[in-house]
Amino acid sequence: MRKKILIDTDIGTDVDDALALALAMKSKDVDLQAVTVVYGNVNLRSKIALKMLRLGGLGNVPVAKGIEKPLLREKAIYWAGHEGKGFLTPEDEALRADTTHAVDLITSKVMDMKGEITLVPIGPLTNIAMAIIKEPRIIENVKEVVLMGGVTRLCDGFNLPYREHNINCDPEAAKVVFNSGMPITMVPLDVTTKVTIDREDLERIARVKTSLTDALVGMVKLYLEIQRRDYTWLHDPLALAVSLDGSLVKTMDMKVSVETRGEYSIGQTIATKAKRGETPIKVCIDVDTKRFKDFFMERICTPSQKDN
């Protein structure tokens, strides 16, 4: 059976969101139920998602705009300024998101298909937290949550930053989600920084020659120029892949606490042994890099009938 997935994303800033969406679109075992966008200019983010879906022949998938600001509205929005550059054109101004708010779309999908929806949040967790607050019944009715976020430094991770962007953008929302009791798999920097895409990979993708793959190559090349690197990490695609094949990673059952009060440590995720009665989080601590890379590249580079 195809897995019913809803992606919640801050697409447009780091190119990995677009790559994750493309991976979902190119996976025959995914039934993409919806895409919701979060954080910052959600109108622009929705247009990026809508255009990608159209290029991939999935223009019927609903895209809904979500919450622009952090839950407590105390942190400034990070906006890189290159969002949509080189991809959106003046003609794309006509693209329109669904009239349903992202939070309502998330809750309705979970409640209408109880036990079937896998949420894959790959941005700040504001939409997911608000959905929990608005409709707590989604906690026991969602199939699972596989999120990209956080960093634990549990295994050989002392060179990693002590906090991660998605969690740091809205730590209070992350705290609501991690404390909810939902079945969560956390895909942190500990594993996502082990998987990359480089210019050689882009050459292979470019040979596919579809509208979607051409767009992906252009988006990644621009991002590499902005970052002044010859590679970038596949943070979000790894989370999407884990939602489809959990054997790609090794996990530990942990309690994950989110720091919301420290002067210097706000946004930090702290993984400790779960106590009796606490719902553990499956924290990814290692990844089979070759298997994942083959998984990603084979799916992205396999043309489908829906490709333009």
C-alpha atoms as a PDB file:
ATOM      1  CA  MET A   1       0.000   0.000   0.000  1.00  0.00           C
ATOM      2  CA  ARG A   2       1.124   3.539  -0.698  1.00  0.00           C
ATOM      3  CA  LYS A   3       1.913   5.526   2.425  1.00  0.00           C
ATOM      4  CA  LYS A   4      -0.324   8.524   3.087  1.00  0.00           C
ATOM      5  CA  ILE A   5       2.043  11.423   3.783  1.00  0.00           C
ATOM      6  CA  LEU A   6       1.496  15.088   4.594  1.00  0.00           C
ATOM      7  CA  ILE A   7       4.580  17.313   4.344  1.00  0.00           C
ATOM      8  CA  ASP A   8       4.819  20.487   6.431  1.00  0.00           C
ATOM      9  CA  THR A   9       7.651  22.644   5.105  1.00  0.00           C
ATOM     10  CA  ASP A  10       9.437  25.989   5.089  1.00  0.00           C
ATOM     11  CA  ILE A  11      10.378  25.420   1.448  1.00  0.00           C
ATOM     12  CA  GLY A  12      12.467  28.067  -0.277  1.00  0.00           C
ATOM     13  CA  THR A  13      15.250  28.887   2.165  1.00  0.00           C
ATOM     14  CA  ASP A  14      17.474  25.786   2.219  1.00  0.00           C
ATOM     15  CA  VAL A  15      17.098  23.805  -1.012  1.00  0.00           C
ATOM     16  CA  ASP A  16      16.722  20.533   0.917  1.00  0.00           C
ATOM     17  CA  ASP A  17      12.969  21.149   1.366  1.00  0.00           C
ATOM     18  CA  ALA A  18      12.495  21.193  -2.400  1.00  0.00           C
ATOM     19  CA  LEU A  19      14.564  18.023  -2.716  1.00  0.00           C
ATOM     20  CA  ALA A  20      12.437  16.319  -0.058  1.00  0.00           C
ATOM     21  CA  LEU A  21       9.235  17.308  -1.828  1.00  0.00           C
ATOM     22  CA  ALA A  22      10.651  16.017  -5.101  1.00  0.00           C
ATOM     23  CA  LEU A  23      11.581  12.723  -3.431  1.00  0.00           C
ATOM     24  CA  ALA A  24       8.009  12.323  -2.199  1.00  0.00           C
ATOM     25  CA  MET A  25       6.656  13.145  -5.650  1.00  0.00           C
ATOM     26  CA  LYS A  26       8.972  10.643  -7.334  1.00  0.00           C
ATOM     27  CA  SER A  27       8.253   7.808  -4.883  1.00  0.00           C
ATOM     28  CA  LYS A  28       5.629   5.364  -6.141  1.00  0.00           C
ATOM     29  CA  ASP A  29       5.018   4.177  -2.580  1.00  0.00           C
ATOM     30  CA  VAL A  30       3.924   7.684  -1.463  1.00  0.00           C
ATOM     31  CA  ASP A  31       0.343   8.926  -1.559  1.00  0.00           C
ATOM     32  CA  LEU A  32       1.013  12.630  -1.031  1.00  0.00           C
ATOM     33  CA  GLN A  33      -2.081  13.924   0.711  1.00  0.00           C
ATOM     34  CA  ALA A  34      -1.115  17.586   1.080  1.00  0.00           C
ATOM     35  CA  VAL A  35       1.694  20.077   1.487  1.00  0.00           C
ATOM     36  CA  THR A  36       1.458  22.759   4.173  1.00  0.00           C
ATOM     37  CA  VAL A  37       3.868  25.657   4.474  1.00  0.00           C
ATOM     38  CA  VAL A  38       5.065  27.438   7.575  1.00  0.00           C
ATOM     39  CA  TYR A  39       7.239  30.318   8.797  1.00  0.00           C
ATOM     40  CA  GLY A  40       7.873  33.684   7.191  1.00  0.00           C
ATOM     41  CA  ASN A  41       6.371  34.566   3.823  1.00  0.00           C
ATOM     42  CA  VAL A  42       4.060  31.568   3.510  1.00  0.00           C
ATOM     43  CA  ASN A  43       2.447  33.023   0.395  1.00  0.00           C
ATOM     44  CA  LEU A  44       5.751  32.835  -1.469  1.00  0.00           C
ATOM     45  CA  ARG A  45       6.538  29.419   0.002  1.00  0.00           C
ATOM     46  CA  SER A  46       3.166  28.117  -1.173  1.00  0.00           C
ATOM     47  CA  LYS A  47       3.884  29.248  -4.728  1.00  0.00           C
ATOM     48  CA  ILE A  48       7.179  27.345  -4.755  1.00  0.00           C
ATOM     49  CA  ALA A  49       5.416  24.187  -3.598  1.00  0.00           C
ATOM     50  CA  LEU A  50       2.557  24.665  -6.066  1.00  0.00           C
ATOM     51  CA  LYS A  51       4.906  25.141  -8.994  1.00  0.00           C
ATOM     52  CA  MET A  52       6.962  22.092  -8.056  1.00  0.00           C
ATOM     53  CA  LEU A  53       3.836  19.953  -7.814  1.00  0.00           C
ATOM     54  CA  ARG A  54       2.655  21.209 -11.179  1.00  0.00           C
ATOM     55  CA  LEU A  55       6.027  20.430 -12.793  1.00  0.00           C
ATOM     56  CA  GLY A  56       5.861  16.928 -11.351  1.00  0.00           C
ATOM     57  CA  GLY A  57       2.336  16.295 -12.587  1.00  0.00           C
ATOM     58  CA  LEU A  58       0.789  16.456  -9.113  1.00  0.00           C
ATOM     59  CA  GLY A  59      -1.086  19.718  -9.404  1.00  0.00           C
ATOM     60  CA  ASN A  60      -4.093  18.147  -7.711  1.00  0.00           C
ATOM     61  CA  VAL A  61      -2.289  17.899  -4.351  1.00  0.00           C
ATOM     62  CA  PRO A  62      -3.544  20.687  -2.046  1.00  0.00           C
ATOM     63  CA  VAL A  63      -1.103  23.270  -0.730  1.00  0.00           C
ATOM     64  CA  ALA A  64      -2.158  25.293   2.310  1.00  0.00           C
ATOM     65  CA  LYS A  65      -0.599  28.336   3.937  1.00  0.00           C
ATOM     66  CA  GLY A  66       0.121  28.138   7.646  1.00  0.00           C
ATOM     67  CA  ILE A  67       1.443  30.256  10.480  1.00  0.00           C
ATOM     68  CA  GLU A  68       4.012  32.933   9.661  1.00  0.00           C
ATOM     69  CA  LYS A  69       5.381  33.733  13.120  1.00  0.00           C
ATOM     70  CA  PRO A  70       6.643  31.623  16.051  1.00  0.00           C
ATOM     71  CA  LEU A  71       4.079  30.475  18.578  1.00  0.00           C
ATOM     72  CA  LEU A  72       4.921  33.149  21.179  1.00  0.00           C
ATOM     73  CA  ARG A  73       5.933  35.750  18.550  1.00  0.00           C
ATOM     74  CA  GLU A  74       9.079  36.533  20.541  1.00  0.00           C
ATOM     75  CA  LYS A  75      11.742  35.592  17.978  1.00  0.00           C
ATOM     76  CA  ALA A  76      12.535  37.445  14.778  1.00  0.00           C
ATOM     77  CA  ILE A  77      11.826  35.612  11.516  1.00  0.00           C
ATOM     78  CA  TYR A  78      14.893  34.405   9.650  1.00  0.00           C
ATOM     79  CA  TRP A  79      14.531  35.252   5.968  1.00  0.00           C
ATOM     80  CA  ALA A  80      17.513  34.607   3.687  1.00  0.00           C
ATOM     81  CA  GLY A  81      16.253  36.731   0.787  1.00  0.00           C
ATOM     82  CA  HIS A  82      16.891  34.248  -2.020  1.00  0.00           C
ATOM     83  CA  GLU A  83      13.606  32.351  -1.571  1.00  0.00           C
ATOM     84  CA  GLY A  84      12.085  31.682  -5.005  1.00  0.00           C
ATOM     85  CA  LYS A  85      14.969  33.294  -6.875  1.00  0.00           C
ATOM     86  CA  GLY A  86      15.644  31.662 -10.231  1.00  0.00           C
ATOM     87  CA  PHE A  87      12.553  29.464  -9.910  1.00  0.00           C
ATOM     88  CA  LEU A  88       9.459  31.633  -9.622  1.00  0.00           C
ATOM     89  CA  THR A  89       8.569  33.919 -12.510  1.00  0.00           C
ATOM     90  CA  PRO A  90       5.999  36.742 -12.803  1.00  0.00           C
ATOM     91  CA  GLU A  91       3.572  34.221 -14.332  1.00  0.00           C
ATOM     92  CA  ASP A  92       3.624  32.246 -11.082  1.00  0.00           C
ATOM     93  CA  GLU A  93       1.872  35.084  -9.259  1.00  0.00           C
ATOM     94  CA  ALA A  94      -1.360  33.474 -10.448  1.00  0.00           C
ATOM     95  CA  LEU A  95      -0.677  30.332  -8.405  1.00  0.00           C
ATOM     96  CA  ARG A  96      -3.106  30.122  -5.498  1.00  0.00           C
ATOM     97  CA  ALA A  97      -2.941  27.983  -2.376  1.00  0.00           C
ATOM     98  CA  ASP A  98      -5.948  26.156  -0.966  1.00  0.00           C
ATOM     99  CA  THR A  99      -8.346  28.400   0.963  1.00  0.00           C
ATOM    100  CA  THR A 100      -8.140  26.071   3.973  1.00  0.00           C
ATOM    101  CA  HIS A 101      -5.628  27.102   6.629  1.00  0.00           C
ATOM    102  CA  ALA A 102      -2.707  24.686   7.012  1.00  0.00           C
ATOM    103  CA  VAL A 103      -3.582  23.915  10.648  1.00  0.00           C
ATOM    104  CA  ASP A 104      -7.141  23.002   9.666  1.00  0.00           C
ATOM    105  CA  LEU A 105      -5.942  20.910   6.727  1.00  0.00           C
ATOM    106  CA  ILE A 106      -3.554  18.976   8.982  1.00  0.00           C
ATOM    107  CA  THR A 107      -6.241  18.262  11.565  1.00  0.00           C
ATOM    108  CA  SER A 108      -8.889  17.322   9.010  1.00  0.00           C
ATOM    109  CA  LYS A 109      -6.574  14.946   7.166  1.00  0.00           C
ATOM    110  CA  VAL A 110      -5.552  13.184  10.384  1.00  0.00           C
ATOM    111  CA  MET A 111      -9.101  12.959  11.725  1.00  0.00           C
ATOM    112  CA  ASP A 112     -10.652  11.886   8.413  1.00  0.00           C
ATOM    113  CA  MET A 113      -8.094   9.100   7.947  1.00  0.00           C
ATOM    114  CA  LYS A 114      -7.477   7.964  11.493  1.00  0.00           C
ATOM    115  CA  GLY A 115      -4.317   5.950  11.939  1.00  0.00           C
ATOM    116  CA  GLU A 116      -3.263   6.434   8.313  1.00  0.00           C
ATOM    117  CA  ILE A 117      -1.521   9.813   8.042  1.00  0.00           C
ATOM    118  CA  THR A 118       2.239  10.152   8.480  1.00  0.00           C
ATOM    119  CA  LEU A 119       3.212  13.758   9.166  1.00  0.00           C
ATOM    120  CA  VAL A 120       6.642  14.763   7.860  1.00  0.00           C
ATOM    121  CA  PRO A 121       7.466  18.205   9.287  1.00  0.00           C
ATOM    122  CA  ILE A 122      10.677  19.550   7.747  1.00  0.00           C
ATOM    123  CA  GLY A 123      10.467  23.127   9.001  1.00  0.00           C
ATOM    124  CA  PRO A 124       9.702  24.915  12.272  1.00  0.00           C
ATOM    125  CA  LEU A 125       6.987  23.040  14.162  1.00  0.00           C
ATOM    126  CA  THR A 126       4.520  25.903  14.578  1.00  0.00           C
ATOM    127  CA  ASN A 127       1.741  24.431  12.396  1.00  0.00           C
ATOM    128  CA  ILE A 128       1.995  21.035  14.069  1.00  0.00           C
ATOM    129  CA  ALA A 129       1.966  22.528  17.579  1.00  0.00           C
ATOM    130  CA  MET A 130      -1.074  24.660  16.800  1.00  0.00           C
ATOM    131  CA  ALA A 131      -2.880  21.648  15.332  1.00  0.00           C
ATOM    132  CA  ILE A 132      -2.239  19.774  18.592  1.00  0.00           C
ATOM    133  CA  ILE A 133      -3.530  22.707  20.630  1.00  0.00           C
ATOM    134  CA  LYS A 134      -6.599  23.180  18.455  1.00  0.00           C
ATOM    135  CA  GLU A 135      -7.482  19.492  18.097  1.00  0.00           C
ATOM    136  CA  PRO A 136      -5.705  17.329  20.715  1.00  0.00           C
ATOM    137  CA  ARG A 137      -7.344  14.194  19.297  1.00  0.00           C
ATOM    138  CA  ILE A 138      -4.809  14.165  16.477  1.00  0.00           C
ATOM    139  CA  ILE A 139      -2.288  12.889  19.033  1.00  0.00           C
ATOM    140  CA  GLU A 140      -3.867   9.445  19.145  1.00  0.00           C
ATOM    141  CA  ASN A 141      -5.106   9.477  15.547  1.00  0.00           C
ATOM    142  CA  VAL A 142      -1.940  10.272  13.609  1.00  0.00           C
ATOM    143  CA  LYS A 143      -0.052   7.208  12.403  1.00  0.00           C
ATOM    144  CA  GLU A 144       3.368   8.719  13.125  1.00  0.00           C
ATOM    145  CA  VAL A 145       5.452  11.878  12.902  1.00  0.00           C
ATOM    146  CA  VAL A 146       8.854  11.758  11.209  1.00  0.00           C
ATOM    147  CA  LEU A 147      10.467  15.165  11.616  1.00  0.00           C
ATOM    148  CA  MET A 148      13.730  16.743  10.591  1.00  0.00           C
ATOM    149  CA  GLY A 149      14.986  18.781  13.488  1.00  0.00           C
ATOM    150  CA  GLY A 150      17.226  19.033  16.493  1.00  0.00           C
ATOM    151  CA  VAL A 151      20.692  17.801  17.312  1.00  0.00           C
ATOM    152  CA  THR A 152      21.723  15.526  20.174  1.00  0.00           C
ATOM    153  CA  ARG A 153      25.487  14.975  19.735  1.00  0.00           C
ATOM    154  CA  LEU A 154      24.966  11.529  21.261  1.00  0.00           C
ATOM    155  CA  CYS A 155      27.406   9.752  18.939  1.00  0.00           C
ATOM    156  CA  ASP A 156      30.554  11.446  17.606  1.00  0.00           C
ATOM    157  CA  GLY A 157      28.771  14.750  17.301  1.00  0.00           C
ATOM    158  CA  PHE A 158      30.870  17.200  19.242  1.00  0.00           C
ATOM    159  CA  ASN A 159      31.721  19.167  16.098  1.00  0.00           C
ATOM    160  CA  LEU A 160      28.025  19.752  15.457  1.00  0.00           C
ATOM    161  CA  PRO A 161      26.225  22.934  16.507  1.00  0.00           C
ATOM    162  CA  TYR A 162      24.410  22.703  19.824  1.00  0.00           C
ATOM    163  CA  ARG A 163      21.074  23.674  18.293  1.00  0.00           C
ATOM    164  CA  GLU A 164      19.381  23.260  14.939  1.00  0.00           C
ATOM    165  CA  HIS A 165      17.509  25.784  12.769  1.00  0.00           C
ATOM    166  CA  ASN A 166      14.007  24.267  12.668  1.00  0.00           C
ATOM    167  CA  ILE A 167      13.798  23.853  16.431  1.00  0.00           C
ATOM    168  CA  ASN A 168      15.510  27.165  17.163  1.00  0.00           C
ATOM    169  CA  CYS A 169      13.031  29.096  14.992  1.00  0.00           C
ATOM    170  CA  ASP A 170      10.176  28.141  17.337  1.00  0.00           C
ATOM    171  CA  PRO A 171      11.379  26.230  20.419  1.00  0.00           C
ATOM    172  CA  GLU A 172       8.054  26.606  22.229  1.00  0.00           C
ATOM    173  CA  ALA A 173       6.231  24.928  19.350  1.00  0.00           C
ATOM    174  CA  ALA A 174       8.837  22.160  19.332  1.00  0.00           C
ATOM    175  CA  LYS A 175       8.295  21.651  23.056  1.00  0.00           C
ATOM    176  CA  VAL A 176       4.546  21.208  22.499  1.00  0.00           C
ATOM    177  CA  VAL A 177       5.202  18.602  19.797  1.00  0.00           C
ATOM    178  CA  PHE A 178       7.855  16.627  21.683  1.00  0.00           C
ATOM    179  CA  ASN A 179       5.735  16.601  24.836  1.00  0.00           C
ATOM    180  CA  SER A 180       2.554  15.581  23.004  1.00  0.00           C
ATOM    181  CA  GLY A 181       2.899  11.813  23.248  1.00  0.00           C
ATOM    182  CA  MET A 182       2.595  11.322  19.490  1.00  0.00           C
ATOM    183  CA  PRO A 183       4.742   8.552  17.980  1.00  0.00           C
ATOM    184  CA  ILE A 184       7.727  10.612  16.805  1.00  0.00           C
ATOM    185  CA  THR A 185      10.909   9.766  14.953  1.00  0.00           C
ATOM    186  CA  MET A 186      13.440  12.588  15.164  1.00  0.00           C
ATOM    187  CA  VAL A 187      15.929  12.883  12.305  1.00  0.00           C
ATOM    188  CA  PRO A 188      18.550  15.285  13.687  1.00  0.00           C
ATOM    189  CA  LEU A 189      21.738  16.891  12.426  1.00  0.00           C
ATOM    190  CA  ASP A 190      23.621  13.933  13.912  1.00  0.00           C
ATOM    191  CA  VAL A 191      22.586  11.907  10.851  1.00  0.00           C
ATOM    192  CA  THR A 192      21.557  14.477   8.245  1.00  0.00           C
ATOM    193  CA  THR A 193      25.051  16.013   8.136  1.00  0.00           C
ATOM    194  CA  LYS A 194      26.344  12.624   6.957  1.00  0.00           C
ATOM    195  CA  VAL A 195      24.399  12.752   3.679  1.00  0.00           C
ATOM    196  CA  THR A 196      25.106  15.218   0.877  1.00  0.00           C
ATOM    197  CA  ILE A 197      24.433  16.073  -2.738  1.00  0.00           C
ATOM    198  CA  ASP A 198      27.249  17.443  -4.900  1.00  0.00           C
ATOM    199  CA  ARG A 199      27.891  18.695  -8.424  1.00  0.00           C
ATOM    200  CA  GLU A 200      28.544  15.185  -9.746  1.00  0.00           C
ATOM    201  CA  ASP A 201      25.112  14.144  -8.479  1.00  0.00           C
ATOM    202  CA  LEU A 202      23.606  17.161 -10.228  1.00  0.00           C
ATOM    203  CA  GLU A 203      25.153  16.071 -13.532  1.00  0.00           C
ATOM    204  CA  ARG A 204      23.390  12.723 -13.199  1.00  0.00           C
ATOM    205  CA  ILE A 205      20.067  14.370 -12.340  1.00  0.00           C
ATOM    206  CA  ALA A 206      20.459  16.810 -15.253  1.00  0.00           C
ATOM    207  CA  ARG A 207      20.610  13.884 -17.701  1.00  0.00           C
ATOM    208  CA  VAL A 208      16.998  12.962 -16.815  1.00  0.00           C
ATOM    209  CA  LYS A 209      15.813  16.093 -18.657  1.00  0.00           C
ATOM    210  CA  THR A 210      12.313  16.649 -17.284  1.00  0.00           C
ATOM    211  CA  SER A 211      10.842  19.963 -16.194  1.00  0.00           C
ATOM    212  CA  LEU A 212      11.029  18.896 -12.555  1.00  0.00           C
ATOM    213  CA  THR A 213      14.609  17.624 -12.599  1.00  0.00           C
ATOM    214  CA  ASP A 214      15.773  20.637 -14.622  1.00  0.00           C
ATOM    215  CA  ALA A 215      14.215  22.898 -11.981  1.00  0.00           C
ATOM    216  CA  LEU A 216      15.836  20.937  -9.158  1.00  0.00           C
ATOM    217  CA  VAL A 217      19.271  21.182 -10.745  1.00  0.00           C
ATOM    218  CA  GLY A 218      18.861  24.925 -11.166  1.00  0.00           C
ATOM    219  CA  MET A 219      17.703  25.399  -7.580  1.00  0.00           C
ATOM    220  CA  VAL A 220      20.573  23.378  -6.131  1.00  0.00           C
ATOM    221  CA  LYS A 221      23.202  25.084  -8.301  1.00  0.00           C
ATOM    222  CA  LEU A 222      21.964  28.503  -7.190  1.00  0.00           C
ATOM    223  CA  TYR A 223      22.007  27.419  -3.550  1.00  0.00           C
ATOM    224  CA  LEU A 224      25.580  26.119  -3.890  1.00  0.00           C
ATOM    225  CA  GLU A 225      26.614  29.465  -5.321  1.00  0.00           C
ATOM    226  CA  ILE A 226      24.969  31.310  -2.440  1.00  0.00           C
ATOM    227  CA  GLN A 227      26.622  29.025   0.126  1.00  0.00           C
ATOM    228  CA  ARG A 228      29.937  28.992  -1.764  1.00  0.00           C
ATOM    229  CA  ARG A 229      30.209  25.227  -1.541  1.00  0.00           C
ATOM    230  CA  ASP A 230      30.291  22.319  -3.972  1.00  0.00           C
ATOM    231  CA  TYR A 231      27.872  20.272  -1.886  1.00  0.00           C
ATOM    232  CA  THR A 232      24.930  20.657   0.455  1.00  0.00           C
ATOM    233  CA  TRP A 233      23.290  18.410   2.993  1.00  0.00           C
ATOM    234  CA  LEU A 234      20.205  16.292   2.362  1.00  0.00           C
ATOM    235  CA  HIS A 235      18.632  17.020   5.753  1.00  0.00           C
ATOM    236  CA  ASP A 236      14.968  16.942   4.749  1.00  0.00           C
ATOM    237  CA  PRO A 237      15.163  14.213   2.087  1.00  0.00           C
ATOM    238  CA  LEU A 238      16.590  11.893   4.740  1.00  0.00           C
ATOM    239  CA  ALA A 239      13.553  12.504   6.965  1.00  0.00           C
ATOM    240  CA  LEU A 240      11.228  11.718   4.062  1.00  0.00           C
ATOM    241  CA  ALA A 241      13.209   8.570   3.270  1.00  0.00           C
ATOM    242  CA  VAL A 242      13.087   7.419   6.903  1.00  0.00           C
ATOM    243  CA  SER A 243       9.301   7.741   6.831  1.00  0.00           C
ATOM    244  CA  LEU A 244       9.346   5.178   4.004  1.00  0.00           C
ATOM    245  CA  ASP A 245      12.195   2.913   5.144  1.00  0.00           C
ATOM    246  CA  GLY A 246      13.171   3.057   8.785  1.00  0.00           C
ATOM    247  CA  SER A 247      15.975   0.549   8.224  1.00  0.00           C
ATOM    248  CA  LEU A 248      18.063   3.328   6.649  1.00  0.00           C
ATOM    249  CA  VAL A 249      18.890   4.561  10.155  1.00  0.00           C
ATOM    250  CA  LYS A 250      19.676   3.312  13.632  1.00  0.00           C
ATOM    251  CA  THR A 251      17.600   4.785  16.451  1.00  0.00           C
ATOM    252  CA  MET A 252      17.564   5.036  20.227  1.00  0.00           C
ATOM    253  CA  ASP A 253      14.415   5.463  22.312  1.00  0.00           C
ATOM    254  CA  MET A 254      14.956   8.699  24.236  1.00  0.00           C
ATOM    255  CA  LYS A 255      13.166  11.524  25.992  1.00  0.00           C
ATOM    256  CA  VAL A 256      13.763  14.770  24.072  1.00  0.00           C
ATOM    257  CA  SER A 257      13.529  18.035  26.002  1.00  0.00           C
ATOM    258  CA  VAL A 258      13.562  21.422  24.294  1.00  0.00           C
ATOM    259  CA  GLU A 259      15.262  24.320  26.067  1.00  0.00           C
ATOM    260  CA  THR A 260      13.064  27.435  26.081  1.00  0.00           C
ATOM    261  CA  ARG A 261      14.504  29.476  28.948  1.00  0.00           C
ATOM    262  CA  GLY A 262      18.300  29.464  28.824  1.00  0.00           C
ATOM    263  CA  GLU A 263      20.086  32.693  28.022  1.00  0.00           C
ATOM    264  CA  TYR A 264      22.354  31.002  25.469  1.00  0.00           C
ATOM    265  CA  SER A 265      20.763  27.590  24.959  1.00  0.00           C
ATOM    266  CA  ILE A 266      17.209  28.374  23.807  1.00  0.00           C
ATOM    267  CA  GLY A 267      16.310  25.960  21.021  1.00  0.00           C
ATOM    268  CA  GLN A 268      18.634  23.202  22.170  1.00  0.00           C
ATOM    269  CA  THR A 269      17.300  19.630  22.095  1.00  0.00           C
ATOM    270  CA  ILE A 270      18.482  17.437  24.950  1.00  0.00           C
ATOM    271  CA  ALA A 271      18.121  13.668  24.638  1.00  0.00           C
ATOM    272  CA  THR A 272      18.058  11.640  27.851  1.00  0.00           C
ATOM    273  CA  LYS A 273      16.870   8.198  28.882  1.00  0.00           C
ATOM    274  CA  ALA A 274      13.079   8.014  28.925  1.00  0.00           C
ATOM    275  CA  LYS A 275      11.545   7.253  32.307  1.00  0.00           C
ATOM    276  CA  ARG A 276       8.769   4.754  32.901  1.00  0.00           C
ATOM    277  CA  GLY A 277       5.453   6.177  31.734  1.00  0.00           C
ATOM    278  CA  GLU A 278       7.030   8.638  29.291  1.00  0.00           C
ATOM    279  CA  THR A 279       6.441   8.186  25.560  1.00  0.00           C
ATOM    280  CA  PRO A 280       9.908   7.812  24.031  1.00  0.00           C
ATOM    281  CA  ILE A 281      11.067   9.558  20.880  1.00  0.00           C
ATOM    282  CA  LYS A 282      12.901   7.450  18.308  1.00  0.00           C
ATOM    283  CA  VAL A 283      16.090   9.459  17.845  1.00  0.00           C
ATOM    284  CA  CYS A 284      18.195   8.646  14.785  1.00  0.00           C
ATOM    285  CA  ILE A 285      21.843   8.201  15.747  1.00  0.00           C
ATOM    286  CA  ASP A 286      23.364   6.704  12.586  1.00  0.00           C
ATOM    287  CA  VAL A 287      22.547   6.327   8.892  1.00  0.00           C
ATOM    288  CA  ASP A 288      23.574   3.958   6.124  1.00  0.00           C
ATOM    289  CA  THR A 289      24.848   6.724   3.872  1.00  0.00           C
ATOM    290  CA  LYS A 290      25.310   4.602   0.753  1.00  0.00           C
ATOM    291  CA  ARG A 291      21.892   2.948   0.959  1.00  0.00           C
ATOM    292  CA  PHE A 292      20.215   6.301   1.501  1.00  0.00           C
ATOM    293  CA  LYS A 293      22.103   7.987  -1.341  1.00  0.00           C
ATOM    294  CA  ASP A 294      21.178   5.138  -3.707  1.00  0.00           C
ATOM    295  CA  PHE A 295      17.560   5.368  -2.478  1.00  0.00           C
ATOM    296  CA  PHE A 296      17.475   9.119  -3.151  1.00  0.00           C
ATOM    297  CA  MET A 297      19.258   9.191  -6.504  1.00  0.00           C
ATOM    298  CA  GLU A 298      17.438   6.217  -8.021  1.00  0.00           C
ATOM    299  CA  ARG A 299      14.052   7.726  -7.257  1.00  0.00           C
ATOM    300  CA  ILE A 300      14.928  11.254  -8.367  1.00  0.00           C
ATOM    301  CA  CYS A 301      16.532   9.998 -11.580  1.00  0.00           C
ATOM    302  CA  THR A 302      13.778   7.589 -12.607  1.00  0.00           C
ATOM    303  CA  PRO A 303      11.391   9.316 -15.033  1.00  0.00           C
ATOM    304  CA  SER A 304       7.688   8.850 -14.391  1.00  0.00           C
ATOM    305  CA  GLN A 305       4.661   9.176 -16.641  1.00  0.00           C
ATOM    306  CA  LYS A 306       3.562  12.279 -14.769  1.00  0.00           C
ATOM    307  CA  ASP A 307       6.810  14.193 -15.387  1.00  0.00           C
ATOM    308  CA  ASN A 308       6.543  17.112 -17.778  1.00  0.00           C
END
